[in-house]
Amino acid sequence: MEAMADRRFLLSAWPWRGLAYLLSTGLSGLLALSVLATMVVVGGLLSTVLIGVPIFAAIAFAGIPAAAVERWRLGLIDAEPVEDPHRKPDRPGVYGWVVTRVRERATWRELAYTLLLALLLWPLDLAVIVLLVGVPLALVTSPLSVLVGGGSRAVLPGVVVSTPAQALVAVPAGLLLLLGAGYAVPALATVQAGLARGLLAPREDELRARLAQVTLSRARLVRAFEAERRRIERDLHDGAQQRLVAVSMRLGLALLDLPGGPSRDLVAQAQEQAKLALTELRELIHGIHPRILTQYGLPAAVQDAADRSPVPVDVRLDLPARPPAEVEATGYFAVCEALANVAKHSQAGRAWVTGRLSGDTLVLEIGDDGVGGADPESGGGLAGLTDRVAVVGGSIGLSSPAGGPTLVRVELPCPNPEHRSAS
């Protein structure tokens, strides 16, 4: 523990935290021993009627709640939190939970630690507290019994302070021992906390497995989200948009048959409103998921976005094959967001978009010759762009010195087209 090197260590909270950790070990260990003993006894008594079999089987999982308490208790002596090593069950329900936990090595490490806690650690810690703290306190307070009460004070079995001279010698000896205990107790607590962390913290392979599980789950969510976006775009394009077109045409036909007057003016206004609604709906559809992206891919969609930009944009995308749909959509919206920022803030006279595949990574670069000074921490469009790219495991780099130019580099994980074609 680095804090021990501090000259003011004994005046800090660490000695008390170490003492609290060892004392709480005694309580949790005694509780664990009681629960395990009860399960063994009850399971043994009921084993003749087969009810005890599930109780015996449940002992294998007794370490899970005990380990959860121990990970929480580690906060007394260890500032770094310990993550839960268990992963989400592969299937819902009790059966899925049991099968997943049985297959995890963390479950058996937790059981081993619980047995160690119940059979060894808690009596050891209480004995250490008695020797390192109880004995010095008995020495320091011995004058209360000898000089004031006229009796004697038993410090250890066979060691008794009974005379005033012994009591006066016992006080400084007890104080010295207490000073030593101020270092020994947190040192022992730190060693024991290291043992607990070694058994209860997730291993590197478990962290990798959990990360892979989270990555797959996130990928499924992204694919589902993009599929839903395309469904909404398709429904709006083939449904509401077509109805608005039909309404506008019928209003136009009605205008041909109406004579001049208030009625004709109202119909004309209704037709104009229908045209405006149709224009807004088309913009909404394009913002949800442009059809050009679905039909023709990322280069055509980026070129379409560049053509609609108020700032002239040069586009050069060299992609040998189409990326996965979620990568393609993320790249497109990243380009659109970056171009929107160029139009709003850069005061640029020209912008450019380049794209290429570098190994298994799609690299998009959006630059402009504007005033620079873009700040991703300001919470604007660049922050949202970072969040959007992070969803598919991508990253963003920004170079925007004052005076420009600004360059946004978007990197998205993308299987190599040759590899995907071969598979």
Protein backbone atom coordinates (compact mmCIF):
# COMPACT_ATOMS: atom_id res chain seq x y z
CA MET A 1 0.00 0.00 0.00
CA GLU A 2 1.63 3.23 -1.16
CA ALA A 3 -0.10 5.22 1.61
CA MET A 4 2.13 3.53 4.21
CA ALA A 5 5.10 5.55 2.96
CA ASP A 6 3.36 8.73 4.12
CA ARG A 7 4.58 9.94 7.52
CA ARG A 8 0.99 10.84 8.40
CA PHE A 9 -0.25 7.33 7.65
CA LEU A 10 -1.25 6.59 11.24
CA LEU A 11 -3.33 9.78 11.30
CA SER A 12 -5.19 8.85 8.12
CA ALA A 13 -8.28 6.69 7.74
CA TRP A 14 -6.37 3.69 6.38
CA PRO A 15 -5.61 1.97 9.72
CA TRP A 16 -9.27 2.22 10.66
CA ARG A 17 -10.34 0.99 7.23
CA GLY A 18 -8.01 -1.99 7.57
CA LEU A 19 -9.45 -2.76 10.98
CA ALA A 20 -12.99 -2.45 9.64
CA TYR A 21 -12.12 -4.82 6.78
CA LEU A 22 -10.73 -7.49 9.11
CA LEU A 23 -13.65 -7.14 11.54
CA SER A 24 -16.19 -7.38 8.72
CA THR A 25 -14.34 -10.45 7.44
CA GLY A 26 -15.09 -12.09 10.78
CA LEU A 27 -18.78 -11.28 10.44
CA SER A 28 -19.14 -12.31 6.79
CA GLY A 29 -17.06 -15.45 7.33
CA LEU A 30 -19.13 -16.51 10.30
CA LEU A 31 -22.31 -15.90 8.28
CA ALA A 32 -20.93 -17.90 5.34
CA LEU A 33 -19.99 -20.76 7.66
CA SER A 34 -23.48 -20.75 9.20
CA VAL A 35 -25.21 -20.81 5.83
CA LEU A 36 -22.98 -23.55 4.41
CA ALA A 37 -23.31 -25.68 7.55
CA THR A 38 -27.08 -25.26 7.52
CA MET A 39 -27.28 -26.30 3.87
CA VAL A 40 -25.12 -29.36 4.50
CA VAL A 41 -27.10 -30.45 7.58
CA VAL A 42 -30.54 -29.83 6.07
CA GLY A 43 -29.51 -31.41 2.77
CA GLY A 44 -28.18 -34.47 4.61
CA LEU A 45 -31.33 -34.87 6.70
CA LEU A 46 -33.61 -34.53 3.66
CA SER A 47 -31.48 -36.56 1.27
CA THR A 48 -33.46 -39.71 2.03
CA VAL A 49 -36.56 -38.15 0.46
CA LEU A 50 -34.62 -36.60 -2.43
CA ILE A 51 -35.50 -33.07 -1.31
CA GLY A 52 -31.98 -32.67 0.00
CA VAL A 53 -30.43 -33.24 -3.44
CA PRO A 54 -31.32 -29.73 -4.76
CA ILE A 55 -30.07 -28.25 -1.46
CA PHE A 56 -26.72 -29.99 -1.89
CA ALA A 57 -26.61 -28.82 -5.51
CA ALA A 58 -27.30 -25.24 -4.41
CA ILE A 59 -24.06 -25.26 -2.40
CA ALA A 60 -22.22 -24.92 -5.71
CA PHE A 61 -23.84 -21.50 -6.16
CA ALA A 62 -23.41 -20.33 -2.56
CA GLY A 63 -20.26 -18.50 -3.54
CA ILE A 64 -22.09 -16.16 -5.93
CA PRO A 65 -23.93 -14.01 -3.34
CA ALA A 66 -21.01 -14.31 -0.91
CA ALA A 67 -18.61 -13.07 -3.59
CA ALA A 68 -20.91 -10.15 -4.39
CA VAL A 69 -20.69 -9.08 -0.73
CA GLU A 70 -16.92 -9.55 -0.74
CA ARG A 71 -16.48 -7.41 -3.84
CA TRP A 72 -18.47 -4.70 -2.12
CA ARG A 73 -16.38 -5.07 1.07
CA LEU A 74 -13.16 -4.63 -0.91
CA GLY A 75 -14.07 -0.95 -1.17
CA LEU A 76 -13.00 -0.61 2.48
CA ILE A 77 -9.35 -1.25 1.66
CA ASP A 78 -9.09 -1.11 -2.15
CA ALA A 79 -10.01 2.07 -4.01
CA GLU A 80 -10.29 0.26 -7.37
CA PRO A 81 -13.72 -1.36 -7.82
CA VAL A 82 -13.97 -5.05 -8.76
CA GLU A 83 -16.30 -5.92 -11.61
CA ASP A 84 -18.70 -8.84 -11.56
CA PRO A 85 -17.04 -11.63 -13.59
CA HIS A 86 -20.33 -13.26 -14.58
CA ARG A 87 -21.83 -12.80 -18.00
CA LYS A 88 -25.46 -12.61 -19.00
CA PRO A 89 -27.10 -16.07 -19.26
CA ASP A 90 -27.33 -17.52 -22.76
CA ARG A 91 -31.08 -18.09 -22.41
CA PRO A 92 -33.79 -16.69 -20.14
CA GLY A 93 -35.15 -18.52 -17.13
CA VAL A 94 -33.72 -20.46 -14.22
CA TYR A 95 -32.39 -23.29 -16.38
CA GLY A 96 -30.43 -20.90 -18.58
CA TRP A 97 -28.98 -19.16 -15.52
CA VAL A 98 -27.92 -22.44 -13.92
CA VAL A 99 -26.30 -23.81 -17.09
CA THR A 100 -24.40 -20.56 -17.71
CA ARG A 101 -23.14 -20.32 -14.14
CA VAL A 102 -22.05 -23.97 -14.00
CA ARG A 103 -19.93 -23.48 -17.12
CA GLU A 104 -18.22 -20.35 -15.77
CA ARG A 105 -14.91 -20.77 -13.97
CA ALA A 106 -15.73 -17.66 -11.94
CA THR A 107 -18.50 -19.60 -10.16
CA TRP A 108 -16.04 -22.20 -8.86
CA ARG A 109 -13.44 -19.58 -7.93
CA GLU A 110 -16.11 -17.81 -5.88
CA LEU A 111 -17.07 -21.05 -4.18
CA ALA A 112 -13.43 -21.73 -3.35
CA TYR A 113 -13.06 -18.27 -1.84
CA THR A 114 -16.27 -18.69 0.16
CA LEU A 115 -14.99 -21.97 1.62
CA LEU A 116 -11.66 -20.32 2.39
CA LEU A 117 -13.48 -17.43 4.07
CA ALA A 118 -15.75 -19.69 6.10
CA LEU A 119 -13.09 -22.16 7.26
CA LEU A 120 -9.87 -20.14 7.59
CA LEU A 121 -9.94 -16.40 6.99
CA TRP A 122 -12.49 -15.26 9.53
CA PRO A 123 -10.99 -17.04 12.58
CA LEU A 124 -7.53 -15.95 11.44
CA ASP A 125 -8.60 -12.32 11.18
CA LEU A 126 -10.30 -12.33 14.57
CA ALA A 127 -7.21 -13.90 16.13
CA VAL A 128 -5.00 -11.25 14.54
CA ILE A 129 -7.27 -8.48 15.83
CA VAL A 130 -7.14 -9.92 19.35
CA LEU A 131 -3.34 -10.16 19.26
CA LEU A 132 -2.54 -6.90 17.47
CA VAL A 133 -5.28 -4.71 18.90
CA GLY A 134 -6.81 -6.44 21.92
CA VAL A 135 -3.53 -7.19 23.73
CA PRO A 136 -2.11 -3.63 23.33
CA LEU A 137 -5.42 -2.16 24.50
CA ALA A 138 -5.35 -4.47 27.53
CA LEU A 139 -1.83 -3.24 28.32
CA VAL A 140 -2.73 0.42 27.91
CA THR A 141 -5.82 0.13 30.11
CA SER A 142 -4.22 -2.09 32.74
CA PRO A 143 -3.71 0.84 35.21
CA LEU A 144 -7.49 1.20 35.39
CA SER A 145 -7.71 -2.26 36.94
CA VAL A 146 -4.52 -2.26 38.99
CA LEU A 147 -4.19 1.32 40.27
CA VAL A 148 -7.84 2.33 40.38
CA GLY A 149 -9.72 -0.89 40.90
CA GLY A 150 -7.10 -2.61 43.01
CA GLY A 151 -7.30 -5.79 40.94
CA SER A 152 -5.29 -7.28 38.09
CA ARG A 153 -5.54 -7.39 34.30
CA ALA A 154 -5.00 -10.58 32.29
CA VAL A 155 -3.28 -9.64 29.04
CA LEU A 156 -2.71 -13.15 27.67
CA PRO A 157 -3.23 -16.62 29.15
CA GLY A 158 -0.55 -16.82 31.82
CA VAL A 159 0.40 -13.13 31.49
CA VAL A 160 -1.17 -10.96 34.19
CA VAL A 161 -0.48 -7.34 35.16
CA SER A 162 -1.07 -7.18 38.89
CA THR A 163 1.31 -4.61 40.41
CA PRO A 164 1.52 -0.82 39.93
CA ALA A 165 5.05 -1.13 38.55
CA GLN A 166 3.91 -3.66 35.96
CA ALA A 167 0.97 -1.44 35.04
CA LEU A 168 3.23 1.59 34.51
CA VAL A 169 5.53 -0.46 32.26
CA ALA A 170 2.56 -1.97 30.39
CA VAL A 171 1.25 1.41 29.20
CA PRO A 172 4.21 2.44 26.99
CA ALA A 173 4.58 -1.15 25.81
CA GLY A 174 0.92 -1.17 24.78
CA LEU A 175 1.27 2.17 23.00
CA LEU A 176 4.24 0.89 21.00
CA LEU A 177 2.34 -2.24 20.09
CA LEU A 178 -0.64 -0.13 19.00
CA LEU A 179 1.62 1.92 16.75
CA GLY A 180 2.89 -1.29 15.19
CA ALA A 181 -0.67 -2.55 14.82
CA GLY A 182 -1.48 0.66 12.94
CA TYR A 183 0.77 -0.63 10.18
CA ALA A 184 0.31 -4.38 10.57
CA VAL A 185 -3.50 -4.41 10.46
CA PRO A 186 -3.90 -2.50 7.14
CA ALA A 187 -0.96 -4.49 5.71
CA LEU A 188 -2.72 -7.77 6.49
CA ALA A 189 -5.99 -6.37 5.17
CA THR A 190 -4.24 -5.36 1.93
CA VAL A 191 -2.77 -8.86 1.50
CA GLN A 192 -6.14 -10.45 2.11
CA ALA A 193 -7.83 -8.00 -0.26
CA GLY A 194 -5.29 -8.98 -2.93
CA LEU A 195 -6.23 -12.63 -2.43
CA ALA A 196 -9.92 -11.75 -2.72
CA ARG A 197 -9.31 -9.70 -5.86
CA GLY A 198 -7.30 -12.52 -7.41
CA LEU A 199 -10.16 -14.99 -6.95
CA LEU A 200 -13.20 -12.74 -7.39
CA ALA A 201 -12.16 -10.33 -10.15
CA PRO A 202 -12.78 -11.28 -13.80
CA ARG A 203 -9.84 -12.79 -15.67
CA GLU A 204 -8.59 -11.42 -18.96
CA ASP A 205 -10.23 -14.17 -21.01
CA GLU A 206 -13.54 -13.55 -19.20
CA LEU A 207 -13.32 -9.84 -19.97
CA ARG A 208 -12.65 -10.66 -23.62
CA ALA A 209 -15.63 -13.01 -23.72
CA ARG A 210 -17.87 -10.39 -22.14
CA LEU A 211 -16.60 -7.75 -24.58
CA ALA A 212 -17.31 -10.09 -27.48
CA GLN A 213 -20.82 -10.69 -26.13
CA VAL A 214 -21.44 -6.95 -25.79
CA THR A 215 -20.07 -6.33 -29.28
CA LEU A 216 -22.34 -8.97 -30.81
CA SER A 217 -25.33 -7.60 -28.90
CA ARG A 218 -24.55 -4.07 -30.05
CA ALA A 219 -24.16 -5.25 -33.64
CA ARG A 220 -27.56 -6.94 -33.48
CA LEU A 221 -29.14 -3.75 -32.12
CA VAL A 222 -27.52 -1.67 -34.87
CA ARG A 223 -28.74 -4.04 -37.58
CA ALA A 224 -32.24 -4.05 -36.10
CA PHE A 225 -32.22 -0.26 -35.88
CA GLU A 226 -31.10 0.15 -39.48
CA ALA A 227 -33.70 -2.37 -40.65
CA GLU A 228 -36.39 -0.42 -38.82
CA ARG A 229 -35.18 2.83 -40.40
CA ARG A 230 -35.41 1.27 -43.84
CA ARG A 231 -38.90 -0.05 -43.08
CA ILE A 232 -40.11 3.39 -41.99
CA GLU A 233 -38.54 4.96 -45.07
CA ARG A 234 -40.20 2.38 -47.31
CA ASP A 235 -43.62 2.81 -45.68
CA LEU A 236 -43.45 6.60 -45.97
CA HIS A 237 -42.21 6.45 -49.55
CA ASP A 238 -44.73 3.91 -50.77
CA GLY A 239 -47.62 4.95 -48.54
CA ALA A 240 -47.97 8.51 -47.26
CA GLN A 241 -45.95 10.06 -50.08
CA GLN A 242 -48.05 8.41 -52.79
CA ARG A 243 -51.26 9.51 -51.08
CA LEU A 244 -50.04 13.12 -50.95
CA VAL A 245 -49.15 12.94 -54.64
CA ALA A 246 -52.66 11.66 -55.41
CA VAL A 247 -54.24 14.42 -53.28
CA SER A 248 -52.19 17.09 -55.05
CA MET A 249 -53.15 15.73 -58.49
CA ARG A 250 -56.86 15.59 -57.63
CA LEU A 251 -56.77 19.13 -56.30
CA GLY A 252 -55.13 20.19 -59.56
CA LEU A 253 -57.86 18.50 -61.56
CA ALA A 254 -60.48 20.16 -59.39
CA LEU A 255 -58.96 23.55 -60.15
CA LEU A 256 -59.56 22.98 -63.87
CA ASP A 257 -63.30 22.53 -63.32
CA LEU A 258 -63.87 25.35 -60.82
CA PRO A 259 -64.78 28.85 -61.96
CA GLY A 260 -63.00 31.84 -60.44
CA GLY A 261 -64.02 32.84 -56.92
CA PRO A 262 -63.39 32.03 -53.27
CA SER A 263 -63.83 28.27 -53.78
CA ARG A 264 -61.12 28.17 -56.45
CA ASP A 265 -58.76 30.15 -54.21
CA LEU A 266 -59.30 27.73 -51.32
CA VAL A 267 -58.60 24.72 -53.54
CA ALA A 268 -55.47 26.40 -54.91
CA GLN A 269 -54.26 27.04 -51.37
CA ALA A 270 -54.98 23.43 -50.43
CA GLN A 271 -52.92 22.25 -53.41
CA GLU A 272 -50.00 24.46 -52.39
CA GLN A 273 -50.15 23.10 -48.84
CA ALA A 274 -50.21 19.55 -50.20
CA LYS A 275 -47.10 20.32 -52.30
CA LEU A 276 -45.31 21.76 -49.26
CA ALA A 277 -46.25 18.73 -47.17
CA LEU A 278 -44.96 16.48 -49.95
CA THR A 279 -41.65 18.35 -50.07
CA GLU A 280 -41.24 18.13 -46.29
CA LEU A 281 -42.11 14.45 -46.34
CA ARG A 282 -39.47 13.80 -49.00
CA GLU A 283 -36.88 15.59 -46.87
CA LEU A 284 -37.96 13.53 -43.87
CA ILE A 285 -37.66 10.29 -45.85
CA HIS A 286 -34.23 11.31 -47.04
CA GLY A 287 -33.14 12.02 -43.47
CA ILE A 288 -34.39 8.67 -42.19
CA HIS A 289 -32.67 6.50 -44.79
CA PRO A 290 -32.20 7.80 -48.35
CA ARG A 291 -33.32 5.41 -51.03
CA ILE A 292 -30.25 6.20 -53.09
CA LEU A 293 -28.10 4.70 -50.31
CA THR A 294 -30.09 1.47 -50.35
CA GLN A 295 -30.16 1.16 -54.15
CA TYR A 296 -26.78 2.50 -55.26
CA GLY A 297 -24.50 2.44 -52.24
CA LEU A 298 -22.30 4.83 -50.32
CA PRO A 299 -20.47 6.66 -53.17
CA ALA A 300 -23.72 7.65 -54.90
CA ALA A 301 -25.36 8.67 -51.60
CA VAL A 302 -22.35 10.78 -50.58
CA GLN A 303 -22.31 12.42 -53.99
CA ASP A 304 -26.01 13.22 -53.60
CA ALA A 305 -25.33 14.77 -50.18
CA ALA A 306 -22.46 16.79 -51.67
CA ASP A 307 -24.70 18.08 -54.48
CA ARG A 308 -27.20 19.33 -51.89
CA SER A 309 -24.54 21.08 -49.79
CA PRO A 310 -24.41 24.90 -50.02
CA VAL A 311 -20.60 24.62 -49.94
CA PRO A 312 -19.02 23.08 -53.08
CA VAL A 313 -17.78 19.58 -52.24
CA ASP A 314 -15.32 17.37 -54.11
CA VAL A 315 -16.04 13.66 -53.67
CA ARG A 316 -13.61 10.82 -54.24
CA LEU A 317 -14.60 7.42 -52.85
CA ASP A 318 -12.67 4.35 -53.97
CA LEU A 319 -14.52 1.30 -52.65
CA PRO A 320 -14.06 -2.08 -54.37
CA ALA A 321 -17.34 -3.41 -52.96
CA ARG A 322 -20.21 -2.31 -50.78
CA PRO A 323 -19.61 -2.37 -47.01
CA PRO A 324 -22.17 -3.97 -44.67
CA ALA A 325 -25.44 -2.07 -44.48
CA GLU A 326 -24.91 -0.74 -40.94
CA VAL A 327 -21.38 0.45 -41.77
CA GLU A 328 -22.61 2.04 -44.98
CA ALA A 329 -25.43 3.87 -43.18
CA THR A 330 -23.12 5.05 -40.39
CA GLY A 331 -20.57 6.33 -42.88
CA TYR A 332 -23.24 8.18 -44.85
CA PHE A 333 -24.74 9.92 -41.85
CA ALA A 334 -21.26 10.77 -40.55
CA VAL A 335 -20.49 12.49 -43.86
CA CYS A 336 -23.85 14.31 -43.79
CA GLU A 337 -23.27 15.54 -40.23
CA ALA A 338 -19.75 16.69 -41.06
CA LEU A 339 -20.94 18.54 -44.18
CA ALA A 340 -23.73 20.16 -42.15
CA ASN A 341 -21.11 21.42 -39.70
CA VAL A 342 -19.04 22.75 -42.61
CA ALA A 343 -22.03 24.69 -43.90
CA LYS A 344 -22.95 26.08 -40.46
CA HIS A 345 -19.64 26.94 -38.85
CA SER A 346 -16.61 26.73 -41.12
CA GLN A 347 -17.06 29.74 -43.45
CA ALA A 348 -15.37 27.51 -46.01
CA GLY A 349 -15.20 28.16 -49.72
CA ARG A 350 -14.72 24.49 -50.55
CA ALA A 351 -14.90 21.07 -48.92
CA TRP A 352 -13.91 17.56 -49.88
CA VAL A 353 -14.82 13.97 -49.00
CA THR A 354 -12.53 11.01 -49.61
CA GLY A 355 -13.06 7.36 -48.77
CA ARG A 356 -11.09 4.15 -49.07
CA LEU A 357 -10.67 0.73 -47.53
CA SER A 358 -7.53 0.28 -45.47
CA GLY A 359 -7.34 -3.39 -44.56
CA ASP A 360 -10.53 -4.16 -42.67
CA THR A 361 -11.32 -0.51 -41.98
CA LEU A 362 -13.40 1.95 -43.95
CA VAL A 363 -11.67 5.34 -43.77
CA LEU A 364 -13.65 8.48 -44.58
CA GLU A 365 -12.10 11.95 -44.48
CA ILE A 366 -14.13 15.15 -44.63
CA GLY A 367 -12.17 18.39 -44.88
CA ASP A 368 -12.72 22.06 -45.58
CA ASP A 369 -10.67 25.22 -46.08
CA GLY A 370 -12.59 27.21 -43.46
CA VAL A 371 -11.58 29.04 -40.31
CA GLY A 372 -11.00 25.92 -38.20
CA GLY A 373 -11.28 25.87 -34.42
CA ALA A 374 -13.82 23.02 -34.26
CA ASP A 375 -14.22 21.63 -30.74
CA PRO A 376 -15.65 18.10 -30.25
CA GLU A 377 -16.20 18.81 -26.54
CA SER A 378 -18.66 21.62 -27.19
CA GLY A 379 -21.56 19.16 -27.35
CA GLY A 380 -22.65 20.09 -30.87
CA GLY A 381 -22.80 18.04 -34.03
CA LEU A 382 -19.31 16.61 -33.62
CA ALA A 383 -20.26 15.08 -30.25
CA GLY A 384 -23.31 13.44 -31.81
CA LEU A 385 -21.16 12.25 -34.70
CA THR A 386 -18.74 10.62 -32.25
CA ASP A 387 -21.60 8.81 -30.52
CA ARG A 388 -23.05 7.58 -33.83
CA VAL A 389 -19.70 6.20 -34.99
CA ALA A 390 -18.96 4.58 -31.61
CA VAL A 391 -22.13 2.48 -31.89
CA VAL A 392 -20.54 0.34 -34.63
CA GLY A 393 -17.13 0.27 -32.93
CA GLY A 394 -15.65 3.08 -34.99
CA SER A 395 -13.57 6.09 -34.04
CA ILE A 396 -13.20 9.71 -35.06
CA GLY A 397 -10.13 11.90 -35.33
CA LEU A 398 -10.28 15.68 -35.65
CA SER A 399 -7.68 18.18 -36.77
CA SER A 400 -8.93 21.76 -36.72
CA PRO A 401 -6.30 24.38 -35.84
CA ALA A 402 -7.34 28.01 -35.64
CA GLY A 403 -7.32 29.40 -39.17
CA GLY A 404 -7.99 25.97 -40.69
CA PRO A 405 -8.08 23.70 -42.46
CA THR A 406 -10.38 21.25 -40.68
CA LEU A 407 -10.14 17.50 -41.28
CA VAL A 408 -12.47 14.90 -39.79
CA ARG A 409 -11.28 11.30 -40.09
CA VAL A 410 -13.85 8.55 -39.56
CA GLU A 411 -12.70 4.95 -39.20
CA LEU A 412 -15.31 2.18 -39.26
CA PRO A 413 -14.61 -1.56 -38.84
CA CYS A 414 -15.44 -3.20 -42.15
CA PRO A 415 -14.62 -6.71 -43.38
CA ASN A 416 -12.37 -6.61 -46.42
CA PRO A 417 -14.57 -6.89 -49.54
CA GLU A 418 -12.29 -9.59 -50.95
CA HIS A 419 -12.65 -11.61 -47.76
CA ARG A 420 -16.43 -11.19 -47.77
CA SER A 421 -16.67 -12.13 -51.43
CA ALA A 422 -14.57 -15.25 -50.84
CA SER A 423 -16.75 -16.30 -47.93
